[in-house]
């Protein structure tokens, strides 16, 4: 007897992580032409190659160009926030006033 399993919304979100791991495996373990599994579009039948993109801009994400900041559920202790997310707070402060000496 065949029973079809349908993913929940949570399952579909988790599947995105697995697809990203497939791209990692293709790049670092198997190579572009020797991967054991390939993905194809159900609408077009063409091969799909996953890429992580920014939801706002659609641009590919380069993790070397990112920095982290506190989210809403991070502890509110200011000292802890500033220690863990120093770059975030430095960037929010901006360049600051010039400290040049005048004669």
PDB file of N, CA and C in Angstrom:
ATOM      1  N   UNK A   1       0.836  -1.185   0.000  1.00  0.00           N
ATOM      2  CA  UNK A   1       0.000   0.000   0.000  1.00  0.00           C
ATOM      3  C   UNK A   1       0.882   1.249   0.000  1.00  0.00           C
ATOM      4  N   UNK A   2       0.580   2.190  -0.877  1.00  0.00           N
ATOM      5  CA  UNK A   2       1.329   3.436  -1.001  1.00  0.00           C
ATOM      6  C   UNK A   2       0.625   4.519  -0.198  1.00  0.00           C
ATOM      7  N   UNK A   3       1.384   5.197   0.668  1.00  0.00           N
ATOM      8  CA  UNK A   3       0.845   6.305   1.441  1.00  0.00           C
ATOM      9  C   UNK A   3       1.684   7.537   1.134  1.00  0.00           C
ATOM     10  N   UNK A   4       1.045   8.580   0.672  1.00  0.00           N
ATOM     11  CA  UNK A   4       1.763   9.814   0.352  1.00  0.00           C
ATOM     12  C   UNK A   4       1.897  10.649   1.615  1.00  0.00           C
ATOM     13  N   UNK A   5       3.099  11.161   1.830  1.00  0.00           N
ATOM     14  CA  UNK A   5       3.351  12.022   2.983  1.00  0.00           C
ATOM     15  C   UNK A   5       3.436  13.458   2.497  1.00  0.00           C
ATOM     16  N   UNK A   6       2.687  14.335   3.101  1.00  0.00           N
ATOM     17  CA  UNK A   6       2.715  15.744   2.747  1.00  0.00           C
ATOM     18  C   UNK A   6       3.399  16.530   3.859  1.00  0.00           C
ATOM     19  N   UNK A   7       4.332  17.367   3.467  1.00  0.00           N
ATOM     20  CA  UNK A   7       5.037  18.172   4.450  1.00  0.00           C
ATOM     21  C   UNK A   7       4.143  19.269   5.016  1.00  0.00           C
ATOM     22  N   UNK A   8       4.397  19.623   6.249  1.00  0.00           N
ATOM     23  CA  UNK A   8       3.759  20.784   6.859  1.00  0.00           C
ATOM     24  C   UNK A   8       4.550  22.014   6.420  1.00  0.00           C
ATOM     25  N   UNK A   9       4.067  23.199   6.783  1.00  0.00           N
ATOM     26  CA  UNK A   9       4.821  24.417   6.482  1.00  0.00           C
ATOM     27  C   UNK A   9       6.198  24.373   7.132  1.00  0.00           C
ATOM     28  N   UNK A  10       6.251  23.850   8.350  1.00  0.00           N
ATOM     29  CA  UNK A  10       7.535  23.721   9.035  1.00  0.00           C
ATOM     30  C   UNK A  10       8.454  22.770   8.268  1.00  0.00           C
ATOM     31  N   UNK A  11       7.895  21.703   7.748  1.00  0.00           N
ATOM     32  CA  UNK A  11       8.675  20.747   6.961  1.00  0.00           C
ATOM     33  C   UNK A  11       9.231  21.368   5.696  1.00  0.00           C
ATOM     34  N   UNK A  12       8.424  22.192   5.019  1.00  0.00           N
ATOM     35  CA  UNK A  12       8.913  22.879   3.816  1.00  0.00           C
ATOM     36  C   UNK A  12      10.033  23.854   4.164  1.00  0.00           C
ATOM     37  N   UNK A  13       9.919  24.542   5.287  1.00  0.00           N
ATOM     38  CA  UNK A  13      11.005  25.429   5.707  1.00  0.00           C
ATOM     39  C   UNK A  13      12.274  24.641   6.010  1.00  0.00           C
ATOM     40  N   UNK A  14      12.136  23.486   6.662  1.00  0.00           N
ATOM     41  CA  UNK A  14      13.296  22.641   6.951  1.00  0.00           C
ATOM     42  C   UNK A  14      13.916  22.106   5.662  1.00  0.00           C
ATOM     43  N   UNK A  15      13.101  21.837   4.670  1.00  0.00           N
ATOM     44  CA  UNK A  15      13.607  21.329   3.394  1.00  0.00           C
ATOM     45  C   UNK A  15      14.539  22.339   2.728  1.00  0.00           C
ATOM     46  N   UNK A  16      14.307  23.622   2.945  1.00  0.00           N
ATOM     47  CA  UNK A  16      15.186  24.657   2.386  1.00  0.00           C
ATOM     48  C   UNK A  16      16.605  24.507   2.926  1.00  0.00           C
ATOM     49  N   UNK A  17      16.719  24.136   4.189  1.00  0.00           N
ATOM     50  CA  UNK A  17      18.037  23.916   4.794  1.00  0.00           C
ATOM     51  C   UNK A  17      18.715  22.723   4.123  1.00  0.00           C
ATOM     52  N   UNK A  18      17.961  21.667   3.891  1.00  0.00           N
ATOM     53  CA  UNK A  18      18.530  20.483   3.240  1.00  0.00           C
ATOM     54  C   UNK A  18      18.972  20.783   1.811  1.00  0.00           C
ATOM     55  N   UNK A  19      18.211  21.602   1.116  1.00  0.00           N
ATOM     56  CA  UNK A  19      18.595  21.981  -0.243  1.00  0.00           C
ATOM     57  C   UNK A  19      19.893  22.801  -0.209  1.00  0.00           C
ATOM     58  N   UNK A  20      20.027  23.684   0.770  1.00  0.00           N
ATOM     59  CA  UNK A  20      21.274  24.453   0.902  1.00  0.00           C
ATOM     60  C   UNK A  20      22.449  23.525   1.189  1.00  0.00           C
ATOM     61  N   UNK A  21      22.228  22.499   1.993  1.00  0.00           N
ATOM     62  CA  UNK A  21      23.291  21.529   2.261  1.00  0.00           C
ATOM     63  C   UNK A  21      23.649  20.732   1.012  1.00  0.00           C
ATOM     64  N   UNK A  22      22.680  20.497   0.152  1.00  0.00           N
ATOM     65  CA  UNK A  22      22.971  19.812  -1.114  1.00  0.00           C
ATOM     66  C   UNK A  22      23.934  20.652  -1.952  1.00  0.00           C
ATOM     67  N   UNK A  23      23.710  21.963  -1.990  1.00  0.00           N
ATOM     68  CA  UNK A  23      24.593  22.854  -2.744  1.00  0.00           C
ATOM     69  C   UNK A  23      26.005  22.828  -2.158  1.00  0.00           C
ATOM     70  N   UNK A  24      26.099  22.782  -0.854  1.00  0.00           N
ATOM     71  CA  UNK A  24      27.401  22.691  -0.188  1.00  0.00           C
ATOM     72  C   UNK A  24      28.101  21.390  -0.570  1.00  0.00           C
ATOM     73  N   UNK A  25      27.379  20.291  -0.530  1.00  0.00           N
ATOM     74  CA  UNK A  25      27.954  19.000  -0.895  1.00  0.00           C
ATOM     75  C   UNK A  25      28.416  18.968  -2.336  1.00  0.00           C
ATOM     76  N   UNK A  26      27.632  19.570  -3.220  1.00  0.00           N
ATOM     77  CA  UNK A  26      28.018  19.622  -4.633  1.00  0.00           C
ATOM     78  C   UNK A  26      29.324  20.398  -4.797  1.00  0.00           C
ATOM     79  N   UNK A  27      29.446  21.506  -4.091  1.00  0.00           N
ATOM     80  CA  UNK A  27      30.633  22.354  -4.225  1.00  0.00           C
ATOM     81  C   UNK A  27      31.876  21.753  -3.571  1.00  0.00           C
ATOM     82  N   UNK A  28      31.723  21.098  -2.418  1.00  0.00           N
ATOM     83  CA  UNK A  28      32.895  20.703  -1.636  1.00  0.00           C
ATOM     84  C   UNK A  28      33.167  19.205  -1.576  1.00  0.00           C
ATOM     85  N   UNK A  29      32.223  18.367  -1.937  1.00  0.00           N
ATOM     86  CA  UNK A  29      32.452  16.926  -1.839  1.00  0.00           C
ATOM     87  C   UNK A  29      32.379  16.191  -3.170  1.00  0.00           C
ATOM     88  N   UNK A  30      31.387  16.505  -3.974  1.00  0.00           N
ATOM     89  CA  UNK A  30      31.165  15.725  -5.188  1.00  0.00           C
ATOM     90  C   UNK A  30      31.659  16.403  -6.447  1.00  0.00           C
ATOM     91  N   UNK A  31      31.538  17.708  -6.526  1.00  0.00           N
ATOM     92  CA  UNK A  31      31.847  18.430  -7.747  1.00  0.00           C
ATOM     93  C   UNK A  31      30.604  18.599  -8.588  1.00  0.00           C
ATOM     94  N   UNK A  32      30.644  19.542  -9.506  1.00  0.00           N
ATOM     95  CA  UNK A  32      29.456  19.910 -10.289  1.00  0.00           C
ATOM     96  C   UNK A  32      28.912  18.789 -11.164  1.00  0.00           C
ATOM     97  N   UNK A  33      29.714  17.913 -11.607  1.00  0.00           N
ATOM     98  CA  UNK A  33      29.214  16.889 -12.532  1.00  0.00           C
ATOM     99  C   UNK A  33      29.216  15.484 -11.950  1.00  0.00           C
ATOM    100  N   UNK A  34      29.434  15.355 -10.654  1.00  0.00           N
ATOM    101  CA  UNK A  34      29.435  14.011 -10.066  1.00  0.00           C
ATOM    102  C   UNK A  34      28.552  13.884  -8.826  1.00  0.00           C
ATOM    103  N   UNK A  35      27.647  14.855  -8.609  1.00  0.00           N
ATOM    104  CA  UNK A  35      26.760  14.818  -7.449  1.00  0.00           C
ATOM    105  C   UNK A  35      25.775  13.653  -7.580  1.00  0.00           C
ATOM    106  N   UNK A  36      25.376  13.040  -6.472  1.00  0.00           N
ATOM    107  CA  UNK A  36      24.479  11.881  -6.531  1.00  0.00           C
ATOM    108  C   UNK A  36      23.014  12.232  -6.786  1.00  0.00           C
ATOM    109  N   UNK A  37      22.597  13.473  -6.477  1.00  0.00           N
ATOM    110  CA  UNK A  37      21.202  13.887  -6.645  1.00  0.00           C
ATOM    111  C   UNK A  37      21.193  15.281  -7.270  1.00  0.00           C
ATOM    112  N   UNK A  38      20.288  15.481  -8.217  1.00  0.00           N
ATOM    113  CA  UNK A  38      20.106  16.796  -8.825  1.00  0.00           C
ATOM    114  C   UNK A  38      18.657  17.230  -8.633  1.00  0.00           C
ATOM    115  N   UNK A  39      18.434  18.535  -8.604  1.00  0.00           N
ATOM    116  CA  UNK A  39      17.086  19.083  -8.446  1.00  0.00           C
ATOM    117  C   UNK A  39      16.588  19.638  -9.779  1.00  0.00           C
ATOM    118  N   UNK A  40      15.270  19.470 -10.027  1.00  0.00           N
ATOM    119  CA  UNK A  40      14.660  19.948 -11.266  1.00  0.00           C
ATOM    120  C   UNK A  40      13.346  20.641 -10.939  1.00  0.00           C
ATOM    121  N   UNK A  41      13.017  21.663 -11.714  1.00  0.00           N
ATOM    122  CA  UNK A  41      11.765  22.397 -11.546  1.00  0.00           C
ATOM    123  C   UNK A  41      10.590  21.551 -12.024  1.00  0.00           C
ATOM    124  N   UNK A  42       9.545  21.478 -11.227  1.00  0.00           N
ATOM    125  CA  UNK A  42       8.333  20.763 -11.645  1.00  0.00           C
ATOM    126  C   UNK A  42       7.615  21.493 -12.775  1.00  0.00           C
ATOM    127  N   UNK A  43       7.741  22.821 -12.833  1.00  0.00           N
ATOM    128  CA  UNK A  43       7.052  23.589 -13.870  1.00  0.00           C
ATOM    129  C   UNK A  43       7.769  23.519 -15.215  1.00  0.00           C
ATOM    130  N   UNK A  44       9.094  23.652 -15.204  1.00  0.00           N
ATOM    131  CA  UNK A  44       9.833  23.757 -16.471  1.00  0.00           C
ATOM    132  C   UNK A  44      10.650  22.518 -16.806  1.00  0.00           C
ATOM    133  N   UNK A  45      10.952  21.705 -15.803  1.00  0.00           N
ATOM    134  CA  UNK A  45      11.801  20.537 -16.022  1.00  0.00           C
ATOM    135  C   UNK A  45      13.278  20.856 -16.072  1.00  0.00           C
ATOM    136  N   UNK A  46      13.618  22.137 -15.994  1.00  0.00           N
ATOM    137  CA  UNK A  46      15.043  22.495 -16.066  1.00  0.00           C
ATOM    138  C   UNK A  46      15.728  22.242 -14.730  1.00  0.00           C
ATOM    139  N   UNK A  47      17.029  22.072 -14.794  1.00  0.00           N
ATOM    140  CA  UNK A  47      17.826  21.845 -13.592  1.00  0.00           C
ATOM    141  C   UNK A  47      17.838  23.109 -12.744  1.00  0.00           C
ATOM    142  N   UNK A  48      17.772  22.925 -11.444  1.00  0.00           N
ATOM    143  CA  UNK A  48      17.799  24.041 -10.491  1.00  0.00           C
ATOM    144  C   UNK A  48      19.047  23.914  -9.644  1.00  0.00           C
ATOM    145  N   UNK A  49      19.782  25.012  -9.514  1.00  0.00           N
ATOM    146  CA  UNK A  49      20.955  25.069  -8.643  1.00  0.00           C
ATOM    147  C   UNK A  49      20.676  26.086  -7.539  1.00  0.00           C
ATOM    148  N   UNK A  50      20.573  25.623  -6.302  1.00  0.00           N
ATOM    149  CA  UNK A  50      20.226  26.525  -5.199  1.00  0.00           C
ATOM    150  C   UNK A  50      21.299  27.579  -4.955  1.00  0.00           C
ATOM    151  N   UNK A  51      20.829  28.753  -4.546  1.00  0.00           N
ATOM    152  CA  UNK A  51      21.718  29.838  -4.148  1.00  0.00           C
ATOM    153  C   UNK A  51      21.013  30.622  -3.054  1.00  0.00           C
ATOM    154  N   UNK A  52      21.732  30.997  -2.008  1.00  0.00           N
ATOM    155  CA  UNK A  52      21.160  31.765  -0.912  1.00  0.00           C
ATOM    156  C   UNK A  52      21.134  33.241  -1.309  1.00  0.00           C
ATOM    157  N   UNK A  53      19.934  33.831  -1.279  1.00  0.00           N
ATOM    158  CA  UNK A  53      19.796  35.235  -1.656  1.00  0.00           C
ATOM    159  C   UNK A  53      19.078  36.016  -0.568  1.00  0.00           C
ATOM    160  N   UNK A  54      19.300  37.320  -0.564  1.00  0.00           N
ATOM    161  CA  UNK A  54      18.640  38.225   0.366  1.00  0.00           C
ATOM    162  C   UNK A  54      17.177  38.384  -0.047  1.00  0.00           C
ATOM    163  N   UNK A  55      16.262  38.158   0.874  1.00  0.00           N
ATOM    164  CA  UNK A  55      14.831  38.243   0.576  1.00  0.00           C
ATOM    165  C   UNK A  55      14.412  39.658   0.184  1.00  0.00           C
ATOM    166  N   UNK A  56      15.101  40.671   0.676  1.00  0.00           N
ATOM    167  CA  UNK A  56      14.739  42.060   0.364  1.00  0.00           C
ATOM    168  C   UNK A  56      15.218  42.488  -1.021  1.00  0.00           C
ATOM    169  N   UNK A  57      16.479  42.202  -1.340  1.00  0.00           N
ATOM    170  CA  UNK A  57      17.069  42.697  -2.593  1.00  0.00           C
ATOM    171  C   UNK A  57      17.137  41.645  -3.696  1.00  0.00           C
ATOM    172  N   UNK A  58      17.132  40.363  -3.309  1.00  0.00           N
ATOM    173  CA  UNK A  58      17.320  39.304  -4.289  1.00  0.00           C
ATOM    174  C   UNK A  58      18.775  39.054  -4.632  1.00  0.00           C
ATOM    175  N   UNK A  59      19.678  39.800  -4.008  1.00  0.00           N
ATOM    176  CA  UNK A  59      21.112  39.638  -4.264  1.00  0.00           C
ATOM    177  C   UNK A  59      21.652  38.400  -3.568  1.00  0.00           C
ATOM    178  N   UNK A  60      22.625  37.716  -4.182  1.00  0.00           N
ATOM    179  CA  UNK A  60      23.273  36.585  -3.496  1.00  0.00           C
ATOM    180  C   UNK A  60      23.898  37.057  -2.185  1.00  0.00           C
ATOM    181  N   UNK A  61      23.848  36.202  -1.178  1.00  0.00           N
ATOM    182  CA  UNK A  61      24.420  36.540   0.128  1.00  0.00           C
ATOM    183  C   UNK A  61      25.850  36.030   0.209  1.00  0.00           C
ATOM    184  N   UNK A  62      26.760  36.926   0.559  1.00  0.00           N
ATOM    185  CA  UNK A  62      28.153  36.576   0.826  1.00  0.00           C
ATOM    186  C   UNK A  62      28.350  36.751   2.329  1.00  0.00           C
ATOM    187  N   UNK A  63      28.482  35.649   3.057  1.00  0.00           N
ATOM    188  CA  UNK A  63      28.543  35.731   4.523  1.00  0.00           C
ATOM    189  C   UNK A  63      29.748  36.521   5.014  1.00  0.00           C
ATOM    190  N   UNK A  64      30.757  36.697   4.163  1.00  0.00           N
ATOM    191  CA  UNK A  64      31.913  37.506   4.559  1.00  0.00           C
ATOM    192  C   UNK A  64      31.555  38.981   4.655  1.00  0.00           C
ATOM    193  N   UNK A  65      30.414  39.365   4.116  1.00  0.00           N
ATOM    194  CA  UNK A  65      29.996  40.770   4.124  1.00  0.00           C
ATOM    195  C   UNK A  65      28.876  41.032   5.135  1.00  0.00           C
ATOM    196  N   UNK A  66      28.629  40.100   6.036  1.00  0.00           N
ATOM    197  CA  UNK A  66      27.557  40.238   7.026  1.00  0.00           C
ATOM    198  C   UNK A  66      28.116  40.496   8.420  1.00  0.00           C
ATOM    199  N   UNK A  67      27.311  41.089   9.272  1.00  0.00           N
ATOM    200  CA  UNK A  67      27.612  41.149  10.702  1.00  0.00           C
ATOM    201  C   UNK A  67      26.300  40.939  11.440  1.00  0.00           C
ATOM    202  N   UNK A  68      26.399  40.500  12.670  1.00  0.00           N
ATOM    203  CA  UNK A  68      25.211  40.157  13.456  1.00  0.00           C
ATOM    204  C   UNK A  68      24.858  41.279  14.424  1.00  0.00           C
ATOM    205  N   UNK A  69      23.585  41.363  14.733  1.00  0.00           N
ATOM    206  CA  UNK A  69      23.081  42.292  15.734  1.00  0.00           C
ATOM    207  C   UNK A  69      22.059  41.572  16.592  1.00  0.00           C
ATOM    208  N   UNK A  70      21.708  42.147  17.734  1.00  0.00           N
ATOM    209  CA  UNK A  70      20.771  41.476  18.631  1.00  0.00           C
ATOM    210  C   UNK A  70      19.353  41.450  18.063  1.00  0.00           C
ATOM    211  N   UNK A  71      18.683  40.326  18.250  1.00  0.00           N
ATOM    212  CA  UNK A  71      17.288  40.195  17.859  1.00  0.00           C
ATOM    213  C   UNK A  71      16.387  40.498  19.038  1.00  0.00           C
ATOM    214  N   UNK A  72      15.090  40.476  18.816  1.00  0.00           N
ATOM    215  CA  UNK A  72      14.140  40.839  19.869  1.00  0.00           C
ATOM    216  C   UNK A  72      14.200  39.947  21.106  1.00  0.00           C
ATOM    217  N   UNK A  73      14.603  38.696  20.968  1.00  0.00           N
ATOM    218  CA  UNK A  73      14.608  37.814  22.144  1.00  0.00           C
ATOM    219  C   UNK A  73      15.989  37.698  22.793  1.00  0.00           C
ATOM    220  N   UNK A  74      16.980  38.450  22.282  1.00  0.00           N
ATOM    221  CA  UNK A  74      18.293  38.430  22.934  1.00  0.00           C
ATOM    222  C   UNK A  74      18.177  39.158  24.271  1.00  0.00           C
ATOM    223  N   UNK A  75      18.899  38.698  25.319  1.00  0.00           N
ATOM    224  CA  UNK A  75      18.798  39.361  26.631  1.00  0.00           C
ATOM    225  C   UNK A  75      18.989  40.873  26.539  1.00  0.00           C
ATOM    226  N   UNK A  76      18.259  41.587  27.361  1.00  0.00           N
ATOM    227  CA  UNK A  76      18.245  43.056  27.311  1.00  0.00           C
ATOM    228  C   UNK A  76      19.453  43.719  27.968  1.00  0.00           C
ATOM    229  N   UNK A  77      20.270  42.974  28.696  1.00  0.00           N
ATOM    230  CA  UNK A  77      21.413  43.568  29.397  1.00  0.00           C
ATOM    231  C   UNK A  77      22.326  44.269  28.392  1.00  0.00           C
ATOM    232  N   UNK A  78      22.420  45.578  28.514  1.00  0.00           N
ATOM    233  CA  UNK A  78      23.182  46.395  27.557  1.00  0.00           C
ATOM    234  C   UNK A  78      24.646  45.958  27.466  1.00  0.00           C
ATOM    235  N   UNK A  79      25.260  45.650  28.588  1.00  0.00           N
ATOM    236  CA  UNK A  79      26.668  45.234  28.587  1.00  0.00           C
ATOM    237  C   UNK A  79      26.858  43.965  27.756  1.00  0.00           C
ATOM    238  N   UNK A  80      25.987  43.004  27.949  1.00  0.00           N
ATOM    239  CA  UNK A  80      26.067  41.745  27.207  1.00  0.00           C
ATOM    240  C   UNK A  80      25.859  41.998  25.721  1.00  0.00           C
ATOM    241  N   UNK A  81      24.875  42.823  25.380  1.00  0.00           N
ATOM    242  CA  UNK A  81      24.612  43.137  23.976  1.00  0.00           C
ATOM    243  C   UNK A  81      25.828  43.790  23.328  1.00  0.00           C
ATOM    244  N   UNK A  82      26.418  44.742  23.999  1.00  0.00           N
ATOM    245  CA  UNK A  82      27.569  45.451  23.421  1.00  0.00           C
ATOM    246  C   UNK A  82      28.794  44.542  23.300  1.00  0.00           C
ATOM    247  N   UNK A  83      28.965  43.603  24.227  1.00  0.00           N
ATOM    248  CA  UNK A  83      30.091  42.661  24.128  1.00  0.00           C
ATOM    249  C   UNK A  83      29.898  41.702  22.959  1.00  0.00           C
ATOM    250  N   UNK A  84      28.712  41.170  22.824  1.00  0.00           N
ATOM    251  CA  UNK A  84      28.452  40.162  21.788  1.00  0.00           C
ATOM    252  C   UNK A  84      28.328  40.751  20.396  1.00  0.00           C
ATOM    253  N   UNK A  85      27.877  42.004  20.302  1.00  0.00           N
ATOM    254  CA  UNK A  85      27.588  42.595  18.998  1.00  0.00           C
ATOM    255  C   UNK A  85      28.316  43.932  18.829  1.00  0.00           C
ATOM    256  N   UNK A  86      29.607  43.928  19.124  1.00  0.00           N
ATOM    257  CA  UNK A  86      30.393  45.165  19.084  1.00  0.00           C
ATOM    258  C   UNK A  86      30.309  45.850  17.719  1.00  0.00           C
ATOM    259  N   UNK A  87      30.452  45.101  16.642  1.00  0.00           N
ATOM    260  CA  UNK A  87      30.419  45.720  15.317  1.00  0.00           C
ATOM    261  C   UNK A  87      29.071  46.362  15.032  1.00  0.00           C
ATOM    262  N   UNK A  88      28.010  45.736  15.449  1.00  0.00           N
ATOM    263  CA  UNK A  88      26.669  46.283  15.261  1.00  0.00           C
ATOM    264  C   UNK A  88      26.555  47.654  15.923  1.00  0.00           C
ATOM    265  N   UNK A  89      26.991  47.763  17.167  1.00  0.00           N
ATOM    266  CA  UNK A  89      26.886  49.027  17.892  1.00  0.00           C
ATOM    267  C   UNK A  89      27.856  50.068  17.352  1.00  0.00           C
ATOM    268  N   UNK A  90      29.028  49.644  16.907  1.00  0.00           N
ATOM    269  CA  UNK A  90      29.970  50.596  16.300  1.00  0.00           C
ATOM    270  C   UNK A  90      29.380  51.192  15.032  1.00  0.00           C
ATOM    271  N   UNK A  91      28.776  50.362  14.208  1.00  0.00           N
ATOM    272  CA  UNK A  91      28.193  50.845  12.952  1.00  0.00           C
ATOM    273  C   UNK A  91      26.980  51.737  13.200  1.00  0.00           C
ATOM    274  N   UNK A  92      26.192  51.443  14.229  1.00  0.00           N
ATOM    275  CA  UNK A  92      25.026  52.279  14.545  1.00  0.00           C
ATOM    276  C   UNK A  92      25.445  53.643  15.053  1.00  0.00           C
ATOM    277  N   UNK A  93      26.585  53.710  15.725  1.00  0.00           N
ATOM    278  CA  UNK A  93      27.064  54.978  16.274  1.00  0.00           C
ATOM    279  C   UNK A  93      27.544  55.907  15.164  1.00  0.00           C
ATOM    280  N   UNK A  94      27.936  55.348  14.021  1.00  0.00           N
ATOM    281  CA  UNK A  94      28.438  56.171  12.922  1.00  0.00           C
ATOM    282  C   UNK A  94      29.871  56.597  13.160  1.00  0.00           C
ATOM    283  N   UNK A  95      30.375  57.449  12.295  1.00  0.00           N
ATOM    284  CA  UNK A  95      31.782  57.835  12.392  1.00  0.00           C
ATOM    285  C   UNK A  95      32.097  58.695  13.610  1.00  0.00           C
ATOM    286  N   UNK A  96      31.113  59.358  14.171  1.00  0.00           N
ATOM    287  CA  UNK A  96      31.334  60.162  15.370  1.00  0.00           C
ATOM    288  C   UNK A  96      31.930  61.506  15.024  1.00  0.00           C
ATOM    289  N   UNK A  97      32.021  62.376  16.027  1.00  0.00           N
ATOM    290  CA  UNK A  97      32.567  63.728  15.792  1.00  0.00           C
ATOM    291  C   UNK A  97      34.061  63.672  15.530  1.00  0.00           C
ATOM    292  N   UNK A  98      34.510  64.594  14.723  1.00  0.00           N
ATOM    293  CA  UNK A  98      35.945  64.689  14.423  1.00  0.00           C
ATOM    294  C   UNK A  98      36.670  65.176  15.656  1.00  0.00           C
ATOM    295  N   UNK A  99      37.828  64.640  15.897  1.00  0.00           N
ATOM    296  CA  UNK A  99      38.595  65.039  17.086  1.00  0.00           C
ATOM    297  C   UNK A  99      39.887  65.728  16.690  1.00  0.00           C
ATOM    298  N   UNK A 100      39.830  66.519  15.635  1.00  0.00           N
ATOM    299  CA  UNK A 100      41.027  67.224  15.201  1.00  0.00           C
ATOM    300  C   UNK A 100      41.296  68.373  16.154  1.00  0.00           C
ATOM    301  N   UNK A 101      42.578  68.724  16.300  1.00  0.00           N
ATOM    302  CA  UNK A 101      42.968  69.821  17.191  1.00  0.00           C
ATOM    303  C   UNK A 101      43.008  71.118  16.424  1.00  0.00           C
ATOM    304  N   UNK A 102      42.517  72.140  17.046  1.00  0.00           N
ATOM    305  CA  UNK A 102      42.581  73.459  16.425  1.00  0.00           C
ATOM    306  C   UNK A 102      43.673  74.270  17.086  1.00  0.00           C
ATOM    307  N   UNK A 103      44.372  75.125  16.297  1.00  0.00           N
ATOM    308  CA  UNK A 103      45.455  75.939  16.888  1.00  0.00           C
ATOM    309  C   UNK A 103      44.961  76.992  17.849  1.00  0.00           C
TER     310      UNK A 103
END
